[in-house]
Protein backbone atom coordinates (compact mmCIF):
# COMPACT_ATOMS: atom_id res chain seq x y z
CA MET A 1 -0.01 -0.08 -0.03
CA LYS A 2 1.28 3.28 -0.91
CA GLU A 3 2.39 5.57 2.01
CA ILE A 4 0.70 8.86 1.99
CA SER A 5 2.26 12.16 3.24
CA LEU A 6 1.43 13.98 6.41
CA ALA A 7 -0.54 16.70 4.49
CA GLU A 8 -2.46 14.15 2.33
CA ASN A 9 -3.52 12.32 5.62
CA ALA A 10 -4.42 15.65 7.11
CA ALA A 11 -6.58 16.59 4.16
CA ARG A 12 -8.38 13.12 4.37
CA VAL A 13 -9.08 13.62 8.11
CA GLN A 14 -10.56 17.02 7.26
CA THR A 15 -12.60 15.52 4.59
CA MET A 16 -14.07 12.67 7.01
CA ASN A 17 -14.67 15.11 9.53
CA GLU A 18 -16.81 17.38 7.25
CA LEU A 19 -18.65 14.39 6.08
CA TYR A 20 -19.23 13.18 9.51
CA GLU A 21 -20.77 16.66 10.46
CA LEU A 22 -22.75 16.78 7.14
CA ASP A 23 -24.26 13.17 7.98
CA GLU A 24 -25.13 14.51 11.40
CA ARG A 25 -23.24 11.71 13.18
CA ASP A 26 -22.66 13.66 16.28
CA LYS A 27 -26.51 13.46 16.91
CA PRO A 28 -28.59 10.48 18.05
CA GLY A 29 -29.07 7.80 15.42
CA PRO A 30 -27.81 4.37 14.03
CA HIS A 31 -24.27 5.72 13.25
CA GLN A 32 -23.83 8.03 16.48
CA ASN A 33 -20.48 9.01 17.13
CA THR A 34 -18.90 6.57 14.34
CA PHE A 35 -17.27 6.85 10.99
CA THR A 36 -18.58 3.42 10.16
CA GLY A 37 -19.87 3.07 6.72
CA LEU A 38 -19.37 6.64 5.94
CA GLY A 39 -16.67 5.92 3.22
CA VAL A 40 -18.78 3.28 1.43
CA GLU A 41 -21.70 5.85 1.43
CA ILE A 42 -19.64 8.51 -0.18
CA ALA A 43 -18.23 5.92 -2.83
CA THR A 44 -21.83 4.93 -3.40
CA TYR A 45 -22.85 8.57 -4.01
CA ARG A 46 -19.91 9.28 -6.63
CA LYS A 47 -20.85 6.08 -8.48
CA PHE A 48 -24.58 7.08 -8.61
CA ALA A 49 -23.74 10.74 -9.50
CA HIS A 50 -21.29 9.12 -12.49
CA ASP A 51 -24.11 6.78 -13.75
CA MET A 52 -26.77 9.70 -13.41
CA ALA A 53 -24.34 11.98 -15.63
CA ILE A 54 -24.34 8.90 -18.25
CA TYR A 55 -28.11 8.55 -18.22
CA LYS A 56 -28.51 12.23 -18.62
CA LYS A 57 -26.13 12.33 -21.68
CA TRP A 58 -28.35 9.78 -23.53
CA ASN A 59 -31.49 10.90 -22.09
CA ASP A 60 -30.93 14.29 -23.58
CA LYS A 61 -30.19 12.52 -27.03
CA ASN A 62 -33.86 10.88 -26.58
CA TYR A 63 -32.06 7.40 -26.79
CA PRO A 64 -35.19 4.96 -25.79
CA LEU A 65 -34.14 2.63 -22.61
CA SER A 66 -35.65 -0.49 -24.10
């Protein structure tokens, strides 16, 4: 595994803390006070956004789905 620099790690930590707050994990709920699954949720969101961009491209060209 590639070793990351101190600056890269600090940026990663800052991003995860921002996502933690956006997801309101500091409030009562099933993922309260944990980072568990947060990275997976973001990866899923990014893939969904990518897939939607492809869908929009072809939908704008009126290409039929079936």
